[in-house]
Amino acid sequence: MEEFDVPLEEMGIKWENLTEHPTIKNQFVLKTETWQYAKNFSIYFGRKSIVLRFSLPYLLYGHNYCATVLEDFYNVKTLIKDLIGIDITFSEIKELEFGAYEKMNEDAKDYIDSIVGIKNYELEKSTKGF
C-alpha cells in the first residue's frame, strides 16, 4: 500500500468557509453564513488524517426528526465537497449514531428506568440515572 502525504495547501480546502475553533488547535467549524445548518459541523486536521464530525440530518435539514435515506449520503458528499472542498468518496466512517421511533404502551420514564445497561458499548456521555 502506498502512502501519500499531501500538504493541506494543495488539497483545495475552502478555508474562507471555515472559522478556527477558539480553543482547540487545528479544529475548525463552518461559518454560519456559508451554510444555513452549519451549527453541528466541525473538522479537525491531524497530521495524517482529517476528521469530520457532523450529524447527517442536522447538516441537511437542520434537525433530526426525519428518516435518513441513501440519497442523503450522496447529498452530504456533494455538500461537503461544495462547502469545504474535500471529496469524502473514499473516506472511512468511524462512528455512526442512529435512533428509531417506536410506539410504546408503557410510560417513557418507566421504560428508561428499566434499562440496566448495554453490553459491549462505551458511553460517550453519562446522564444522571444511567
N, C-alpha and C. Protein backbone atom coordinates (compact mmCIF):
# COMPACT_ATOMS: atom_id res chain seq x y z
N MET A 1 0.85 -1.18 0.00
CA MET A 1 0.00 0.00 0.00
C MET A 1 0.88 1.23 0.00
N GLU A 2 0.56 2.18 -0.84
CA GLU A 2 1.31 3.43 -0.92
C GLU A 2 0.70 4.45 0.02
N GLU A 3 1.53 5.32 0.54
CA GLU A 3 1.03 6.38 1.41
C GLU A 3 1.49 7.71 0.82
N PHE A 4 0.55 8.62 0.72
CA PHE A 4 0.86 9.93 0.16
C PHE A 4 0.64 10.99 1.22
N ASP A 5 1.56 11.89 1.32
CA ASP A 5 1.44 13.00 2.27
C ASP A 5 1.21 14.26 1.45
N VAL A 6 -0.06 14.67 1.37
CA VAL A 6 -0.41 15.84 0.57
C VAL A 6 -0.56 17.04 1.50
N PRO A 7 0.22 18.09 1.29
CA PRO A 7 0.08 19.29 2.12
C PRO A 7 -1.34 19.86 2.02
N LEU A 8 -1.84 20.39 3.14
CA LEU A 8 -3.20 20.94 3.16
C LEU A 8 -3.39 22.03 2.12
N GLU A 9 -2.34 22.78 1.84
CA GLU A 9 -2.45 23.88 0.88
C GLU A 9 -2.78 23.37 -0.52
N GLU A 10 -2.43 22.12 -0.80
CA GLU A 10 -2.65 21.57 -2.14
C GLU A 10 -3.94 20.77 -2.26
N MET A 11 -4.70 20.69 -1.19
CA MET A 11 -5.92 19.88 -1.20
C MET A 11 -7.14 20.63 -1.71
N GLY A 12 -7.04 21.91 -1.90
CA GLY A 12 -8.18 22.68 -2.39
C GLY A 12 -9.22 22.97 -1.32
N ILE A 13 -8.79 23.02 -0.07
CA ILE A 13 -9.72 23.29 1.03
C ILE A 13 -10.18 24.74 0.95
N LYS A 14 -11.46 24.94 1.12
CA LYS A 14 -12.05 26.28 1.05
C LYS A 14 -11.99 26.92 2.44
N TRP A 15 -10.81 27.41 2.79
CA TRP A 15 -10.57 28.00 4.11
C TRP A 15 -11.48 29.18 4.39
N GLU A 16 -11.91 29.86 3.34
CA GLU A 16 -12.77 31.03 3.53
C GLU A 16 -14.14 30.66 4.13
N ASN A 17 -14.51 29.38 4.07
CA ASN A 17 -15.78 28.92 4.63
C ASN A 17 -15.65 28.36 6.04
N LEU A 18 -14.42 28.39 6.57
CA LEU A 18 -14.15 27.82 7.89
C LEU A 18 -13.69 28.88 8.88
N THR A 19 -14.00 28.66 10.14
CA THR A 19 -13.54 29.52 11.23
C THR A 19 -12.81 28.64 12.22
N GLU A 20 -11.64 29.09 12.65
CA GLU A 20 -10.85 28.31 13.61
C GLU A 20 -11.57 28.24 14.95
N HIS A 21 -11.56 27.06 15.54
CA HIS A 21 -12.16 26.88 16.86
C HIS A 21 -11.38 27.72 17.87
N PRO A 22 -12.05 28.40 18.79
CA PRO A 22 -11.36 29.32 19.70
C PRO A 22 -10.39 28.66 20.68
N THR A 23 -10.59 27.38 20.99
CA THR A 23 -9.72 26.75 21.99
C THR A 23 -9.06 25.45 21.54
N ILE A 24 -9.56 24.82 20.49
CA ILE A 24 -8.99 23.54 20.06
C ILE A 24 -8.12 23.75 18.82
N LYS A 25 -6.84 23.46 18.97
CA LYS A 25 -5.88 23.65 17.88
C LYS A 25 -6.21 22.73 16.70
N ASN A 26 -6.12 23.26 15.50
CA ASN A 26 -6.34 22.53 14.25
C ASN A 26 -7.80 22.11 14.02
N GLN A 27 -8.72 22.65 14.80
CA GLN A 27 -10.13 22.34 14.60
C GLN A 27 -10.85 23.59 14.09
N PHE A 28 -11.75 23.36 13.15
CA PHE A 28 -12.48 24.45 12.52
C PHE A 28 -13.97 24.11 12.49
N VAL A 29 -14.79 25.14 12.36
CA VAL A 29 -16.23 24.97 12.18
C VAL A 29 -16.64 25.72 10.92
N LEU A 30 -17.76 25.34 10.37
CA LEU A 30 -18.29 26.05 9.20
C LEU A 30 -18.81 27.42 9.62
N LYS A 31 -18.55 28.41 8.82
CA LYS A 31 -19.13 29.73 9.07
C LYS A 31 -20.63 29.64 8.85
N THR A 32 -21.37 30.24 9.76
CA THR A 32 -22.83 30.16 9.66
C THR A 32 -23.38 30.82 8.40
N GLU A 33 -22.68 31.83 7.90
CA GLU A 33 -23.14 32.47 6.67
C GLU A 33 -22.86 31.61 5.43
N THR A 34 -22.05 30.56 5.59
CA THR A 34 -21.73 29.66 4.49
C THR A 34 -22.85 28.66 4.22
N TRP A 35 -23.44 28.15 5.30
CA TRP A 35 -24.50 27.15 5.17
C TRP A 35 -25.48 27.33 6.31
N GLN A 36 -26.76 27.31 5.99
CA GLN A 36 -27.79 27.60 6.99
C GLN A 36 -27.81 26.61 8.15
N TYR A 37 -27.32 25.38 7.94
CA TYR A 37 -27.32 24.38 9.01
C TYR A 37 -25.89 24.01 9.42
N ALA A 38 -25.04 24.99 9.53
CA ALA A 38 -23.62 24.77 9.81
C ALA A 38 -23.34 24.46 11.28
N LYS A 39 -24.31 24.64 12.13
CA LYS A 39 -24.10 24.61 13.58
C LYS A 39 -23.38 23.36 14.11
N ASN A 40 -23.74 22.19 13.69
CA ASN A 40 -23.20 20.95 14.25
C ASN A 40 -22.11 20.32 13.40
N PHE A 41 -21.31 21.11 12.74
CA PHE A 41 -20.26 20.59 11.87
C PHE A 41 -18.90 21.06 12.36
N SER A 42 -17.96 20.14 12.48
CA SER A 42 -16.59 20.53 12.80
C SER A 42 -15.62 19.66 12.01
N ILE A 43 -14.45 20.20 11.78
CA ILE A 43 -13.41 19.49 11.03
C ILE A 43 -12.09 19.67 11.77
N TYR A 44 -11.38 18.56 11.94
CA TYR A 44 -10.10 18.57 12.63
C TYR A 44 -9.02 18.09 11.67
N PHE A 45 -7.96 18.84 11.57
CA PHE A 45 -6.85 18.49 10.70
C PHE A 45 -5.73 17.88 11.53
N GLY A 46 -5.58 16.56 11.45
CA GLY A 46 -4.50 15.86 12.14
C GLY A 46 -3.28 15.77 11.25
N ARG A 47 -2.24 15.15 11.76
CA ARG A 47 -1.01 15.02 10.97
C ARG A 47 -1.21 14.12 9.75
N LYS A 48 -1.98 13.06 9.91
CA LYS A 48 -2.14 12.12 8.81
C LYS A 48 -3.59 11.91 8.37
N SER A 49 -4.50 12.63 9.00
CA SER A 49 -5.90 12.45 8.62
C SER A 49 -6.70 13.71 8.93
N ILE A 50 -7.86 13.76 8.34
CA ILE A 50 -8.82 14.83 8.58
C ILE A 50 -10.07 14.17 9.16
N VAL A 51 -10.55 14.70 10.27
CA VAL A 51 -11.72 14.12 10.93
C VAL A 51 -12.88 15.10 10.83
N LEU A 52 -13.98 14.65 10.26
CA LEU A 52 -15.20 15.44 10.17
C LEU A 52 -16.19 14.90 11.20
N ARG A 53 -16.81 15.80 11.94
CA ARG A 53 -17.86 15.41 12.88
C ARG A 53 -19.11 16.22 12.54
N PHE A 54 -20.19 15.50 12.27
CA PHE A 54 -21.44 16.18 11.96
C PHE A 54 -22.59 15.20 12.07
N SER A 55 -23.76 15.74 12.16
CA SER A 55 -24.98 14.94 12.12
C SER A 55 -25.54 15.07 10.72
N LEU A 56 -25.70 13.95 10.05
CA LEU A 56 -26.17 13.98 8.67
C LEU A 56 -27.52 14.69 8.54
N PRO A 57 -28.55 14.34 9.32
CA PRO A 57 -29.81 15.07 9.15
C PRO A 57 -29.72 16.54 9.57
N TYR A 58 -28.95 16.85 10.62
CA TYR A 58 -28.81 18.26 11.01
C TYR A 58 -28.12 19.05 9.90
N LEU A 59 -27.11 18.48 9.27
CA LEU A 59 -26.39 19.20 8.21
C LEU A 59 -27.29 19.44 7.00
N LEU A 60 -28.14 18.48 6.68
CA LEU A 60 -29.02 18.64 5.52
C LEU A 60 -30.31 19.40 5.82
N TYR A 61 -30.91 19.13 7.00
CA TYR A 61 -32.25 19.66 7.26
C TYR A 61 -32.36 20.57 8.48
N GLY A 62 -31.30 20.63 9.29
CA GLY A 62 -31.34 21.47 10.48
C GLY A 62 -32.01 20.82 11.68
N HIS A 63 -32.38 19.55 11.56
CA HIS A 63 -33.00 18.80 12.66
C HIS A 63 -32.80 17.31 12.39
N ASN A 64 -33.16 16.50 13.37
CA ASN A 64 -33.04 15.05 13.16
C ASN A 64 -34.38 14.34 13.31
N TYR A 65 -35.46 15.04 13.03
CA TYR A 65 -36.79 14.45 13.11
C TYR A 65 -37.24 13.95 11.75
N CYS A 66 -36.39 13.20 11.10
CA CYS A 66 -36.70 12.70 9.77
C CYS A 66 -35.97 11.39 9.53
N ALA A 67 -36.48 10.63 8.60
CA ALA A 67 -35.79 9.41 8.19
C ALA A 67 -34.60 9.78 7.32
N THR A 68 -33.56 8.99 7.40
CA THR A 68 -32.38 9.19 6.56
C THR A 68 -32.36 8.09 5.51
N VAL A 69 -32.24 8.48 4.26
CA VAL A 69 -32.22 7.52 3.16
C VAL A 69 -30.87 7.59 2.45
N LEU A 70 -30.60 6.61 1.61
CA LEU A 70 -29.32 6.53 0.92
C LEU A 70 -28.99 7.81 0.15
N GLU A 71 -29.99 8.41 -0.45
CA GLU A 71 -29.78 9.65 -1.22
C GLU A 71 -29.18 10.76 -0.34
N ASP A 72 -29.53 10.76 0.95
CA ASP A 72 -28.98 11.76 1.87
C ASP A 72 -27.45 11.65 1.97
N PHE A 73 -26.93 10.43 1.94
CA PHE A 73 -25.48 10.25 1.99
C PHE A 73 -24.81 10.85 0.76
N TYR A 74 -25.42 10.65 -0.40
CA TYR A 74 -24.89 11.25 -1.63
C TYR A 74 -24.97 12.78 -1.57
N ASN A 75 -26.07 13.29 -1.05
CA ASN A 75 -26.24 14.74 -0.94
C ASN A 75 -25.21 15.36 0.01
N VAL A 76 -24.92 14.68 1.12
CA VAL A 76 -23.91 15.18 2.07
C VAL A 76 -22.53 15.16 1.43
N LYS A 77 -22.23 14.11 0.68
CA LYS A 77 -20.94 14.02 -0.01
C LYS A 77 -20.75 15.22 -0.94
N THR A 78 -21.77 15.55 -1.70
CA THR A 78 -21.71 16.70 -2.61
C THR A 78 -21.63 18.01 -1.83
N LEU A 79 -22.42 18.12 -0.77
CA LEU A 79 -22.43 19.34 0.04
C LEU A 79 -21.06 19.62 0.67
N ILE A 80 -20.43 18.59 1.22
CA ILE A 80 -19.10 18.77 1.83
C ILE A 80 -18.08 19.18 0.79
N LYS A 81 -18.15 18.59 -0.39
CA LYS A 81 -17.23 18.97 -1.48
C LYS A 81 -17.46 20.44 -1.85
N ASP A 82 -18.72 20.85 -1.94
CA ASP A 82 -19.03 22.24 -2.31
C ASP A 82 -18.65 23.23 -1.22
N LEU A 83 -18.88 22.87 0.05
CA LEU A 83 -18.63 23.79 1.15
C LEU A 83 -17.17 23.91 1.55
N ILE A 84 -16.47 22.77 1.63
CA ILE A 84 -15.09 22.83 2.12
C ILE A 84 -14.05 22.28 1.16
N GLY A 85 -14.49 21.76 0.03
CA GLY A 85 -13.54 21.34 -0.99
C GLY A 85 -12.93 19.97 -0.77
N ILE A 86 -13.48 19.17 0.13
CA ILE A 86 -12.93 17.84 0.41
C ILE A 86 -13.87 16.78 -0.16
N ASP A 87 -13.29 15.87 -0.95
CA ASP A 87 -14.06 14.75 -1.51
C ASP A 87 -14.00 13.60 -0.51
N ILE A 88 -15.15 13.23 0.04
CA ILE A 88 -15.18 12.17 1.05
C ILE A 88 -15.59 10.82 0.45
N THR A 89 -15.53 10.68 -0.87
CA THR A 89 -15.95 9.45 -1.53
C THR A 89 -15.31 8.21 -0.93
N PHE A 90 -14.01 8.25 -0.68
CA PHE A 90 -13.31 7.07 -0.19
C PHE A 90 -12.94 7.19 1.29
N SER A 91 -13.69 7.98 2.01
CA SER A 91 -13.45 8.15 3.45
C SER A 91 -13.97 6.95 4.22
N GLU A 92 -13.52 6.87 5.45
CA GLU A 92 -13.95 5.80 6.34
C GLU A 92 -14.84 6.39 7.44
N ILE A 93 -16.00 5.79 7.64
CA ILE A 93 -16.89 6.22 8.72
C ILE A 93 -16.43 5.53 9.99
N LYS A 94 -16.01 6.32 10.98
CA LYS A 94 -15.52 5.78 12.24
C LYS A 94 -16.64 5.57 13.25
N GLU A 95 -17.67 6.38 13.16
CA GLU A 95 -18.77 6.28 14.12
C GLU A 95 -20.05 6.71 13.42
N LEU A 96 -21.09 5.95 13.61
CA LEU A 96 -22.39 6.28 13.03
C LEU A 96 -23.44 6.08 14.12
N GLU A 97 -24.10 7.15 14.47
CA GLU A 97 -25.12 7.09 15.51
C GLU A 97 -26.48 7.15 14.85
N PHE A 98 -27.39 6.36 15.35
CA PHE A 98 -28.74 6.40 14.79
C PHE A 98 -29.75 6.12 15.89
N GLY A 99 -30.97 6.42 15.60
CA GLY A 99 -32.05 6.18 16.55
C GLY A 99 -33.30 5.75 15.80
N ALA A 100 -34.32 5.42 16.56
CA ALA A 100 -35.57 4.99 15.95
C ALA A 100 -36.73 5.43 16.83
N TYR A 101 -37.86 5.59 16.21
CA TYR A 101 -39.08 5.92 16.94
C TYR A 101 -39.91 4.64 17.08
N GLU A 102 -40.53 4.50 18.24
CA GLU A 102 -41.37 3.33 18.46
C GLU A 102 -42.52 3.71 19.39
N LYS A 103 -43.72 3.27 19.05
CA LYS A 103 -44.86 3.50 19.94
C LYS A 103 -44.77 2.49 21.08
N MET A 104 -44.98 2.99 22.29
CA MET A 104 -44.90 2.12 23.45
C MET A 104 -46.20 2.21 24.23
N ASN A 105 -46.50 1.14 24.92
CA ASN A 105 -47.71 1.11 25.74
C ASN A 105 -47.42 1.46 27.19
N GLU A 106 -46.14 1.64 27.52
CA GLU A 106 -45.79 1.99 28.90
C GLU A 106 -45.23 3.40 28.96
N ASP A 107 -45.21 3.95 30.14
CA ASP A 107 -44.69 5.29 30.37
C ASP A 107 -43.20 5.34 30.00
N ALA A 108 -42.77 6.39 29.32
CA ALA A 108 -41.37 6.51 28.89
C ALA A 108 -40.41 6.49 30.07
N LYS A 109 -40.77 7.14 31.18
CA LYS A 109 -39.90 7.16 32.35
C LYS A 109 -39.71 5.75 32.91
N ASP A 110 -40.78 4.96 32.99
CA ASP A 110 -40.68 3.58 33.47
C ASP A 110 -39.80 2.75 32.53
N TYR A 111 -39.95 2.96 31.24
CA TYR A 111 -39.14 2.22 30.26
C TYR A 111 -37.66 2.56 30.44
N ILE A 112 -37.34 3.84 30.52
CA ILE A 112 -35.94 4.27 30.68
C ILE A 112 -35.37 3.74 31.99
N ASP A 113 -36.17 3.79 33.06
CA ASP A 113 -35.71 3.28 34.36
C ASP A 113 -35.44 1.78 34.32
N SER A 114 -36.08 1.06 33.40
CA SER A 114 -35.90 -0.39 33.32
C SER A 114 -34.63 -0.79 32.57
N ILE A 115 -34.01 0.14 31.91
CA ILE A 115 -32.78 -0.17 31.16
C ILE A 115 -31.62 -0.26 32.14
N VAL A 116 -31.01 -1.43 32.19
CA VAL A 116 -29.90 -1.65 33.12
C VAL A 116 -28.59 -1.25 32.47
N GLY A 117 -28.41 -1.54 31.20
CA GLY A 117 -27.17 -1.21 30.50
C GLY A 117 -27.14 -1.89 29.15
N ILE A 118 -26.14 -1.57 28.40
CA ILE A 118 -25.96 -2.16 27.08
C ILE A 118 -24.58 -2.80 27.08
N LYS A 119 -24.54 -4.09 26.81
CA LYS A 119 -23.27 -4.81 26.84
C LYS A 119 -22.37 -4.40 25.68
N ASN A 120 -21.06 -4.38 25.94
CA ASN A 120 -20.02 -4.14 24.94
C ASN A 120 -20.07 -2.75 24.30
N TYR A 121 -20.66 -1.78 24.97
CA TYR A 121 -20.68 -0.42 24.46
C TYR A 121 -20.10 0.51 25.51
N GLU A 122 -19.39 1.53 25.06
CA GLU A 122 -18.89 2.56 25.96
C GLU A 122 -19.69 3.82 25.72
N LEU A 123 -20.16 4.43 26.78
CA LEU A 123 -20.93 5.66 26.65
C LEU A 123 -19.99 6.84 26.49
N GLU A 124 -20.30 7.72 25.54
CA GLU A 124 -19.50 8.93 25.35
C GLU A 124 -19.83 9.94 26.44
N LYS A 125 -21.06 10.00 26.84
CA LYS A 125 -21.50 10.92 27.88
C LYS A 125 -22.35 10.13 28.87
N SER A 126 -22.32 10.53 30.09
CA SER A 126 -23.19 9.87 31.06
C SER A 126 -24.27 10.84 31.50
N THR A 127 -25.39 10.29 31.86
CA THR A 127 -26.53 11.09 32.30
C THR A 127 -26.96 10.57 33.66
N LYS A 128 -27.40 11.46 34.51
CA LYS A 128 -27.86 11.04 35.83
C LYS A 128 -28.90 9.94 35.68
N GLY A 129 -28.71 8.88 36.42
CA GLY A 129 -29.64 7.76 36.34
C GLY A 129 -29.16 6.63 35.45
N PHE A 130 -28.09 6.85 34.70
CA PHE A 130 -27.55 5.80 33.83
C PHE A 130 -26.20 5.36 34.32
